Amino acid sequence: MNQHAAEELVKAIAAETHAPMETVSRMYEETWAAFSDGARIMDYLTVLVARRVRENLRSLRTDAH
């Protein structure tokens, strides 16, 4: 995934979850690093990382309430 596409995905997740861009960006980068470490097939990595970031943000919001 190119940098521009990743930035657009981070913006979309931030808008959907009402989370700060910085938070989403950091979570995306950390999750990407964790998921891509040792991965041989990268085809669905973007989808999996985006899903995990959304799930983590939802759980943070739920825990805060």
Protein backbone atom coordinates (compact mmCIF):
# COMPACT_ATOMS: atom_id res chain seq x y z
CA MET A 1 0.00 0.00 0.00
CA ASN A 2 1.40 3.37 -0.89
CA GLN A 3 1.74 6.22 1.59
CA HIS A 4 -1.11 8.27 0.12
CA ALA A 5 -3.55 5.36 0.30
CA ALA A 6 -2.52 4.67 3.91
CA GLU A 7 -3.10 8.32 4.83
CA GLU A 8 -6.55 8.24 3.23
CA LEU A 9 -7.41 5.07 5.14
CA VAL A 10 -6.25 6.65 8.42
CA LYS A 11 -8.42 9.72 7.68
CA ALA A 12 -11.43 7.51 6.98
CA ILE A 13 -10.97 5.51 10.19
CA ALA A 14 -10.56 8.73 12.20
CA ALA A 15 -13.77 10.14 10.71
CA GLU A 16 -15.71 6.91 11.30
CA THR A 17 -14.58 6.50 14.89
CA HIS A 18 -14.37 10.20 15.83
CA ALA A 19 -10.82 9.60 17.04
CA PRO A 20 -7.90 12.03 16.63
CA MET A 21 -5.86 11.54 13.45
CA GLU A 22 -2.66 11.25 15.49
CA THR A 23 -4.10 8.40 17.54
CA VAL A 24 -5.36 6.52 14.50
CA SER A 25 -2.11 7.06 12.62
CA ARG A 26 -0.02 5.76 15.52
CA MET A 27 -2.29 2.74 16.02
CA TYR A 28 -2.22 1.99 12.28
CA GLU A 29 1.58 2.15 12.13
CA GLU A 30 1.99 -0.03 15.23
CA THR A 31 -0.55 -2.57 14.02
CA TRP A 32 0.97 -2.63 10.53
CA ALA A 33 4.41 -3.29 12.02
CA ALA A 34 3.09 -6.10 14.20
CA PHE A 35 1.08 -7.76 11.42
CA SER A 36 3.68 -7.39 8.67
CA ASP A 37 6.57 -8.74 10.75
CA GLY A 38 7.34 -12.07 9.13
CA ALA A 39 4.29 -11.99 6.85
CA ARG A 40 4.89 -13.62 3.50
CA ILE A 41 1.53 -12.79 1.96
CA MET A 42 0.67 -9.09 2.07
CA ASP A 43 -2.49 -9.12 -0.07
CA TYR A 44 -5.01 -8.68 2.73
CA LEU A 45 -2.79 -6.99 5.29
CA THR A 46 -4.35 -3.57 4.74
CA VAL A 47 -7.84 -4.93 5.40
CA LEU A 48 -6.74 -6.83 8.50
CA VAL A 49 -4.83 -3.87 9.94
CA ALA A 50 -7.73 -1.46 9.32
CA ARG A 51 -10.16 -3.89 10.97
CA ARG A 52 -7.93 -4.31 14.04
CA VAL A 53 -7.45 -0.53 14.42
CA ARG A 54 -11.24 0.02 14.23
CA GLU A 55 -11.82 -2.75 16.80
CA ASN A 56 -9.21 -1.32 19.14
CA LEU A 57 -10.67 2.17 18.90
CA ARG A 58 -14.18 0.85 19.59
CA SER A 59 -12.95 -1.09 22.62
CA LEU A 60 -11.15 2.01 23.94
CA ARG A 61 -14.33 4.04 23.58
CA THR A 62 -16.40 1.33 25.26
CA ASP A 63 -13.91 1.02 28.14
CA ALA A 64 -13.98 4.80 28.67
CA HIS A 65 -17.74 4.79 29.26
